[in-house]
C-alpha atoms as a PDB file:
ATOM      1  CA  MET A   1     191.022 226.600  11.033  1.00  0.00           C
ATOM      2  CA  ILE A   2     189.791 229.319  13.404  1.00  0.00           C
ATOM      3  CA  GLN A   3     188.031 226.728  15.561  1.00  0.00           C
ATOM      4  CA  ASP A   4     191.206 224.639  15.800  1.00  0.00           C
ATOM      5  CA  TRP A   5     193.196 227.739  16.702  1.00  0.00           C
ATOM      6  CA  LEU A   6     190.805 228.619  19.517  1.00  0.00           C
ATOM      7  CA  LEU A   7     190.871 225.060  20.889  1.00  0.00           C
ATOM      8  CA  LEU A   8     194.670 225.026  20.821  1.00  0.00           C
ATOM      9  CA  THR A   9     194.718 228.374  22.611  1.00  0.00           C
ATOM     10  CA  LEU A  10     192.471 226.954  25.332  1.00  0.00           C
ATOM     11  CA  VAL A  11     194.770 223.946  25.709  1.00  0.00           C
ATOM     12  CA  GLY A  12     197.754 226.281  26.047  1.00  0.00           C
ATOM     13  CA  GLY A  13     196.128 228.345  28.788  1.00  0.00           C
ATOM     14  CA  VAL A  14     194.963 225.363  30.839  1.00  0.00           C
ATOM     15  CA  ALA A  15     198.293 223.540  30.497  1.00  0.00           C
ATOM     16  CA  PHE A  16     200.305 226.622  31.482  1.00  0.00           C
ATOM     17  CA  LEU A  17     198.122 227.016  34.567  1.00  0.00           C
ATOM     18  CA  ASP A  18     198.547 223.338  35.440  1.00  0.00           C
ATOM     19  CA  ARG A  19     202.356 223.550  35.448  1.00  0.00           C
ATOM     20  CA  THR A  20     202.804 225.371  38.765  1.00  0.00           C
ATOM     21  CA  ALA A  21     199.904 227.687  39.620  1.00  0.00           C
ATOM     22  CA  ALA A  22     197.162 225.090  40.076  1.00  0.00           C
ATOM     23  CA  VAL A  23     196.490 221.347  40.268  1.00  0.00           C
ATOM     24  CA  GLN A  24     199.848 220.129  38.822  1.00  0.00           C
ATOM     25  CA  SER A  25     198.150 217.028  37.421  1.00  0.00           C
ATOM     26  CA  MET A  26     200.965 216.404  34.885  1.00  0.00           C
ATOM     27  CA  ALA A  27     198.504 217.216  32.089  1.00  0.00           C
ATOM     28  CA  SER A  28     200.978 219.925  31.092  1.00  0.00           C
ATOM     29  CA  ARG A  29     203.636 217.401  30.044  1.00  0.00           C
ATOM     30  CA  PRO A  30     204.540 217.542  26.326  1.00  0.00           C
ATOM     31  CA  LEU A  31     203.379 213.960  25.850  1.00  0.00           C
ATOM     32  CA  VAL A  32     199.868 215.079  26.850  1.00  0.00           C
ATOM     33  CA  THR A  33     199.726 218.515  25.235  1.00  0.00           C
ATOM     34  CA  GLY A  34     201.319 217.139  22.076  1.00  0.00           C
ATOM     35  CA  ALA A  35     198.802 214.307  21.803  1.00  0.00           C
ATOM     36  CA  VAL A  36     195.842 216.631  22.468  1.00  0.00           C
ATOM     37  CA  ALA A  37     197.055 219.218  19.948  1.00  0.00           C
ATOM     38  CA  GLY A  38     197.680 216.523  17.361  1.00  0.00           C
ATOM     39  CA  TRP A  39     194.188 215.108  17.945  1.00  0.00           C
ATOM     40  CA  ILE A  40     192.635 218.543  17.441  1.00  0.00           C
ATOM     41  CA  LEU A  41     194.427 218.845  14.105  1.00  0.00           C
ATOM     42  CA  GLY A  42     193.605 215.318  13.011  1.00  0.00           C
ATOM     43  CA  ARG A  43     197.127 213.912  13.464  1.00  0.00           C
ATOM     44  CA  PRO A  44     197.266 212.406  16.978  1.00  0.00           C
ATOM     45  CA  ASP A  45     200.112 210.125  15.885  1.00  0.00           C
ATOM     46  CA  ALA A  46     202.393 213.038  15.012  1.00  0.00           C
ATOM     47  CA  GLY A  47     201.476 214.935  18.182  1.00  0.00           C
ATOM     48  CA  LEU A  48     202.057 211.929  20.418  1.00  0.00           C
ATOM     49  CA  LEU A  49     205.438 211.075  18.915  1.00  0.00           C
ATOM     50  CA  VAL A  50     206.826 214.594  18.932  1.00  0.00           C
ATOM     51  CA  GLY A  51     205.602 214.974  22.513  1.00  0.00           C
ATOM     52  CA  ALA A  52     207.445 211.777  23.439  1.00  0.00           C
ATOM     53  CA  LEU A  53     210.562 213.190  21.773  1.00  0.00           C
ATOM     54  CA  LEU A  54     210.437 216.308  23.955  1.00  0.00           C
ATOM     55  CA  GLU A  55     209.939 214.153  27.053  1.00  0.00           C
ATOM     56  CA  LEU A  56     213.396 212.700  26.425  1.00  0.00           C
ATOM     57  CA  PHE A  57     214.896 216.170  26.805  1.00  0.00           C
ATOM     58  CA  TRP A  58     212.839 217.395  29.776  1.00  0.00           C
ATOM     59  CA  LEU A  59     211.737 214.282  31.638  1.00  0.00           C
ATOM     60  CA  TYR A  60     213.795 215.279  34.688  1.00  0.00           C
ATOM     61  CA  GLU A  61     213.125 219.028  34.484  1.00  0.00           C
ATOM     62  CA  LEU A  62     210.484 219.828  37.097  1.00  0.00           C
ATOM     63  CA  PRO A  63     209.228 223.236  38.322  1.00  0.00           C
ATOM     64  CA  VAL A  64     210.148 222.618  41.971  1.00  0.00           C
ATOM     65  CA  GLY A  65     210.753 225.556  44.287  1.00  0.00           C
ATOM     66  CA  ALA A  66     212.594 228.394  42.586  1.00  0.00           C
ATOM     67  CA  ALA A  67     213.635 226.238  39.612  1.00  0.00           C
ATOM     68  CA  VAL A  68     211.919 227.349  36.396  1.00  0.00           C
ATOM     69  CA  PRO A  69     212.542 224.818  33.612  1.00  0.00           C
ATOM     70  CA  PRO A  70     211.571 225.412  29.986  1.00  0.00           C
ATOM     71  CA  ASP A  71     207.838 225.518  29.369  1.00  0.00           C
ATOM     72  CA  GLU A  72     207.217 221.898  28.425  1.00  0.00           C
ATOM     73  CA  ALA A  73     203.468 222.531  28.023  1.00  0.00           C
ATOM     74  CA  GLY A  74     203.898 225.185  25.354  1.00  0.00           C
ATOM     75  CA  ALA A  75     206.696 223.158  23.803  1.00  0.00           C
ATOM     76  CA  GLY A  76     204.439 220.141  23.308  1.00  0.00           C
ATOM     77  CA  LEU A  77     201.711 222.344  21.865  1.00  0.00           C
ATOM     78  CA  ALA A  78     203.991 224.147  19.400  1.00  0.00           C
ATOM     79  CA  ALA A  79     205.779 220.956  18.368  1.00  0.00           C
ATOM     80  CA  ALA A  80     202.541 219.101  17.669  1.00  0.00           C
ATOM     81  CA  VAL A  81     201.036 221.993  15.712  1.00  0.00           C
ATOM     82  CA  VAL A  82     204.060 222.233  13.419  1.00  0.00           C
ATOM     83  CA  ALA A  83     204.398 218.457  13.047  1.00  0.00           C
ATOM     84  CA  ALA A  84     200.704 217.961  12.282  1.00  0.00           C
ATOM     85  CA  SER A  85     200.506 220.943   9.922  1.00  0.00           C
ATOM     86  CA  LEU A  86     203.260 219.827   7.540  1.00  0.00           C
ATOM     87  CA  PRO A  87     202.113 218.830   4.041  1.00  0.00           C
ATOM     88  CA  ASP A  88     200.964 215.231   3.591  1.00  0.00           C
ATOM     89  CA  ALA A  89     204.163 214.364   1.713  1.00  0.00           C
ATOM     90  CA  ALA A  90     206.217 214.779   4.897  1.00  0.00           C
ATOM     91  CA  ASP A  91     207.186 211.519   6.570  1.00  0.00           C
ATOM     92  CA  LEU A  92     207.540 210.725  10.268  1.00  0.00           C
ATOM     93  CA  TRP A  93     211.149 211.850  10.581  1.00  0.00           C
ATOM     94  CA  ALA A  94     210.501 215.168   8.872  1.00  0.00           C
ATOM     95  CA  ARG A  95     207.628 215.805  11.274  1.00  0.00           C
ATOM     96  CA  LEU A  96     209.833 214.926  14.240  1.00  0.00           C
ATOM     97  CA  GLY A  97     212.575 217.244  12.992  1.00  0.00           C
ATOM     98  CA  ALA A  98     210.345 220.243  12.346  1.00  0.00           C
ATOM     99  CA  GLY A  99     208.179 219.712  15.403  1.00  0.00           C
ATOM    100  CA  GLY A 100     211.092 218.954  17.690  1.00  0.00           C
ATOM    101  CA  MET A 101     212.959 222.127  16.813  1.00  0.00           C
ATOM    102  CA  ALA A 102     209.780 224.198  17.135  1.00  0.00           C
ATOM    103  CA  GLY A 103     209.108 222.639  20.528  1.00  0.00           C
ATOM    104  CA  LEU A 104     212.603 223.234  21.876  1.00  0.00           C
ATOM    105  CA  ALA A 105     212.455 226.888  20.829  1.00  0.00           C
ATOM    106  CA  ALA A 106     208.936 227.378  22.204  1.00  0.00           C
ATOM    107  CA  GLY A 107     209.922 225.788  25.507  1.00  0.00           C
ATOM    108  CA  HIS A 108     212.601 228.382  26.169  1.00  0.00           C
ATOM    109  CA  VAL A 109     210.303 231.237  25.160  1.00  0.00           C
ATOM    110  CA  GLY A 110     207.614 229.923  27.484  1.00  0.00           C
ATOM    111  CA  GLY A 111     210.127 229.578  30.308  1.00  0.00           C
ATOM    112  CA  ARG A 112     210.856 233.290  30.060  1.00  0.00           C
ATOM    113  CA  VAL A 113     207.131 234.040  30.133  1.00  0.00           C
ATOM    114  CA  ASP A 114     206.826 231.915  33.281  1.00  0.00           C
ATOM    115  CA  VAL A 115     209.589 233.905  34.975  1.00  0.00           C
ATOM    116  CA  ALA A 116     207.942 237.173  33.940  1.00  0.00           C
ATOM    117  CA  VAL A 117     204.586 236.146  35.452  1.00  0.00           C
ATOM    118  CA  ARG A 118     206.278 235.096  38.693  1.00  0.00           C
ATOM    119  CA  ARG A 119     207.893 238.530  38.935  1.00  0.00           C
ATOM    120  CA  TRP A 120     204.557 240.138  38.134  1.00  0.00           C
ATOM    121  CA  ASN A 121     202.978 238.251  41.025  1.00  0.00           C
ATOM    122  CA  ARG A 122     205.490 239.656  43.522  1.00  0.00           C
ATOM    123  CA  ASP A 123     203.212 242.649  44.024  1.00  0.00           C
ATOM    124  CA  LEU A 124     200.598 240.291  45.468  1.00  0.00           C
ATOM    125  CA  VAL A 125     203.016 239.346  48.234  1.00  0.00           C
ATOM    126  CA  GLY A 126     203.587 243.039  48.872  1.00  0.00           C
ATOM    127  CA  ARG A 127     199.855 243.629  49.160  1.00  0.00           C
ATOM    128  CA  ALA A 128     199.489 240.824  51.702  1.00  0.00           C
ATOM    129  CA  ARG A 129     202.372 242.143  53.806  1.00  0.00           C
ATOM    130  CA  ALA A 130     201.006 245.691  53.718  1.00  0.00           C
ATOM    131  CA  ALA A 131     197.587 244.477  54.839  1.00  0.00           C
ATOM    132  CA  LEU A 132     199.082 242.505  57.726  1.00  0.00           C
ATOM    133  CA  ALA A 133     201.211 245.485  58.772  1.00  0.00           C
ATOM    134  CA  ALA A 134     198.086 247.641  58.839  1.00  0.00           C
ATOM    135  CA  GLY A 135     196.237 245.066  60.931  1.00  0.00           C
ATOM    136  CA  GLU A 136     193.856 244.210  58.116  1.00  0.00           C
ATOM    137  CA  GLU A 137     192.757 240.902  56.634  1.00  0.00           C
ATOM    138  CA  PRO A 138     195.081 240.209  53.675  1.00  0.00           C
ATOM    139  CA  GLY A 139     192.491 238.258  51.679  1.00  0.00           C
ATOM    140  CA  LEU A 140     194.892 235.497  50.728  1.00  0.00           C
ATOM    141  CA  GLY A 141     192.271 233.535  48.824  1.00  0.00           C
ATOM    142  CA  ARG A 142     191.572 236.437  46.513  1.00  0.00           C
ATOM    143  CA  LEU A 143     195.277 237.128  45.991  1.00  0.00           C
ATOM    144  CA  VAL A 144     195.921 233.484  45.111  1.00  0.00           C
ATOM    145  CA  LEU A 145     193.051 233.635  42.631  1.00  0.00           C
ATOM    146  CA  VAL A 146     194.474 236.776  41.038  1.00  0.00           C
ATOM    147  CA  GLY A 147     197.872 235.117  40.693  1.00  0.00           C
ATOM    148  CA  GLY A 148     196.295 232.071  39.055  1.00  0.00           C
ATOM    149  CA  VAL A 149     194.315 234.213  36.631  1.00  0.00           C
ATOM    150  CA  ARG A 150     197.527 235.937  35.605  1.00  0.00           C
ATOM    151  CA  PHE A 151     199.161 232.582  34.865  1.00  0.00           C
ATOM    152  CA  TRP A 152     196.115 231.503  32.865  1.00  0.00           C
ATOM    153  CA  ALA A 153     196.056 234.745  30.890  1.00  0.00           C
ATOM    154  CA  ALA A 154     199.771 234.479  30.112  1.00  0.00           C
ATOM    155  CA  GLY A 155     199.410 230.841  29.044  1.00  0.00           C
ATOM    156  CA  THR A 156     196.418 231.626  26.860  1.00  0.00           C
ATOM    157  CA  THR A 157     198.262 234.462  25.146  1.00  0.00           C
ATOM    158  CA  LEU A 158     201.317 232.272  24.679  1.00  0.00           C
ATOM    159  CA  GLY A 159     199.176 229.428  23.318  1.00  0.00           C
ATOM    160  CA  LEU A 160     197.475 231.838  20.923  1.00  0.00           C
ATOM    161  CA  ALA A 161     200.852 232.956  19.578  1.00  0.00           C
ATOM    162  CA  LEU A 162     202.446 229.502  19.396  1.00  0.00           C
ATOM    163  CA  ALA A 163     199.439 227.888  17.724  1.00  0.00           C
ATOM    164  CA  GLY A 164     199.108 230.753  15.260  1.00  0.00           C
ATOM    165  CA  VAL A 165     202.758 230.624  14.234  1.00  0.00           C
ATOM    166  CA  GLY A 166     202.658 226.832  13.931  1.00  0.00           C
ATOM    167  CA  LEU A 167     199.481 226.811  11.839  1.00  0.00           C
ATOM    168  CA  TRP A 168     200.963 229.439   9.548  1.00  0.00           C
ATOM    169  CA  LEU A 169     204.448 227.954   9.292  1.00  0.00           C
ATOM    170  CA  GLY A 170     203.741 224.212   8.975  1.00  0.00           C
ATOM    171  CA  PRO A 171     201.908 224.174   5.617  1.00  0.00           C
ATOM    172  CA  ARG A 172     204.526 226.503   4.097  1.00  0.00           C
ATOM    173  CA  VAL A 173     207.510 224.202   4.610  1.00  0.00           C
ATOM    174  CA  PRO A 174     208.679 223.272   1.088  1.00  0.00           C
ATOM    175  CA  ALA A 175     208.988 219.632   0.049  1.00  0.00           C
ATOM    176  CA  PRO A 176     212.755 219.891  -0.708  1.00  0.00           C
ATOM    177  CA  ALA A 177     213.310 220.582   3.000  1.00  0.00           C
ATOM    178  CA  PHE A 178     211.761 217.293   4.107  1.00  0.00           C
ATOM    179  CA  ARG A 179     214.959 215.281   3.678  1.00  0.00           C
ATOM    180  CA  GLY A 180     216.974 217.697   5.813  1.00  0.00           C
ATOM    181  CA  LEU A 181     214.218 217.779   8.408  1.00  0.00           C
ATOM    182  CA  GLY A 182     214.230 213.977   8.438  1.00  0.00           C
ATOM    183  CA  LEU A 183     217.948 213.912   9.235  1.00  0.00           C
ATOM    184  CA  LEU A 184     217.289 216.503  11.921  1.00  0.00           C
ATOM    185  CA  GLY A 185     214.548 214.291  13.365  1.00  0.00           C
ATOM    186  CA  VAL A 186     216.924 211.324  13.644  1.00  0.00           C
ATOM    187  CA  THR A 187     219.525 213.559  15.286  1.00  0.00           C
ATOM    188  CA  LEU A 188     217.029 214.880  17.826  1.00  0.00           C
ATOM    189  CA  VAL A 189     215.961 211.361  18.788  1.00  0.00           C
ATOM    190  CA  VAL A 190     219.592 210.354  19.380  1.00  0.00           C
ATOM    191  CA  LEU A 191     220.314 213.541  21.340  1.00  0.00           C
ATOM    192  CA  GLY A 192     217.156 213.156  23.412  1.00  0.00           C
ATOM    193  CA  ALA A 193     217.978 209.562  24.237  1.00  0.00           C
ATOM    194  CA  SER A 194     221.508 210.621  25.241  1.00  0.00           C
ATOM    195  CA  VAL A 195     220.150 213.333  27.538  1.00  0.00           C
ATOM    196  CA  CYS A 196     217.699 210.926  29.168  1.00  0.00           C
ATOM    197  CA  LEU A 197     220.317 208.179  29.585  1.00  0.00           C
ATOM    198  CA  GLY A 198     222.733 210.650  31.132  1.00  0.00           C
ATOM    199  CA  ARG A 199     220.205 211.499  33.844  1.00  0.00           C
ATOM    200  CA  LEU A 200     219.498 207.873  34.810  1.00  0.00           C
ATOM    201  CA  ALA A 201     221.361 206.947  37.968  1.00  0.00           C
ATOM    202  CA  SER A 202     221.725 203.157  37.762  1.00  0.00           C
ATOM    203  CA  ARG A 203     222.944 200.739  35.140  1.00  0.00           C
ATOM    204  CA  ARG A 204     219.754 198.723  35.523  1.00  0.00           C
ATOM    205  CA  ALA A 205     217.649 201.762  34.638  1.00  0.00           C
ATOM    206  CA  LYS A 206     219.811 202.450  31.601  1.00  0.00           C
ATOM    207  CA  GLY A 207     219.526 198.836  30.519  1.00  0.00           C
ATOM    208  CA  CYS A 208     215.744 198.944  30.828  1.00  0.00           C
ATOM    209  CA  PHE A 209     215.664 202.159  28.804  1.00  0.00           C
ATOM    210  CA  LEU A 210     217.715 200.655  25.971  1.00  0.00           C
ATOM    211  CA  ALA A 211     215.708 197.419  26.012  1.00  0.00           C
ATOM    212  CA  GLY A 212     212.461 199.351  25.821  1.00  0.00           C
ATOM    213  CA  ALA A 213     213.780 201.447  22.936  1.00  0.00           C
ATOM    214  CA  MET A 214     214.779 198.334  20.988  1.00  0.00           C
ATOM    215  CA  VAL A 215     211.437 196.620  21.607  1.00  0.00           C
ATOM    216  CA  GLY A 216     209.553 199.770  20.648  1.00  0.00           C
ATOM    217  CA  ALA A 217     211.557 200.120  17.446  1.00  0.00           C
ATOM    218  CA  GLY A 218     210.927 196.490  16.548  1.00  0.00           C
ATOM    219  CA  VAL A 219     207.198 196.662  17.194  1.00  0.00           C
ATOM    220  CA  GLY A 220     206.865 200.004  15.480  1.00  0.00           C
ATOM    221  CA  LYS A 221     208.553 198.791  12.304  1.00  0.00           C
ATOM    222  CA  GLY A 222     205.552 196.640  11.496  1.00  0.00           C
ATOM    223  CA  ALA A 223     202.815 198.466  13.380  1.00  0.00           C
ATOM    224  CA  TRP A 224     203.205 202.147  12.478  1.00  0.00           C
ATOM    225  CA  PRO A 225     200.877 202.831   9.533  1.00  0.00           C
ATOM    226  CA  TRP A 226     203.046 205.632   8.142  1.00  0.00           C
ATOM    227  CA  ARG A 227     206.060 203.335   7.840  1.00  0.00           C
ATOM    228  CA  GLY A 228     204.411 201.446   4.992  1.00  0.00           C
END
């Protein structure tokens, strides 16, 4: 359990850094962080599916310029941890419901952490300006490195907290709650699809989305091992 917690914490720190401070390789998307977290906990299927659910909500939310969307990296991590940690009696929809709600909440918490780190890094800009005003070398490379380390430290701390809460909460969800969580999972899928469809600009794109959803549902009915 401790080893899994540490690995999840590392994933959280790297993914948070990848969002805006460095690389931006899209490895911070919930589809990726969810799948990785689920794999660490032995349930890659649950992590992948709950990550895909969160993508429906935040597929068009990108950290461009001054825009700070919810933390999709931490959301995927938290969602997968909760979904994968539920008791074995929980079905797919219960895992989607519990993980989806945990991910949506974690995303907004992580977004606030992102804003706080950006404000914290303002002093680095002040240092560079003061050095230039004094005719000194500002050392931009070092200041950029310091800013990146702050993002990594914040993401690691956030990942530590999210993974810890998820690992503690998931196994303690009582079996009578599974039915309600299953209904919640269905609702979140419908809401996520509505959000994604509303952001598509053309009718052709919407048609392709619906066709893909129908094909995926048809294939999954016979292929998903947890469907029986």
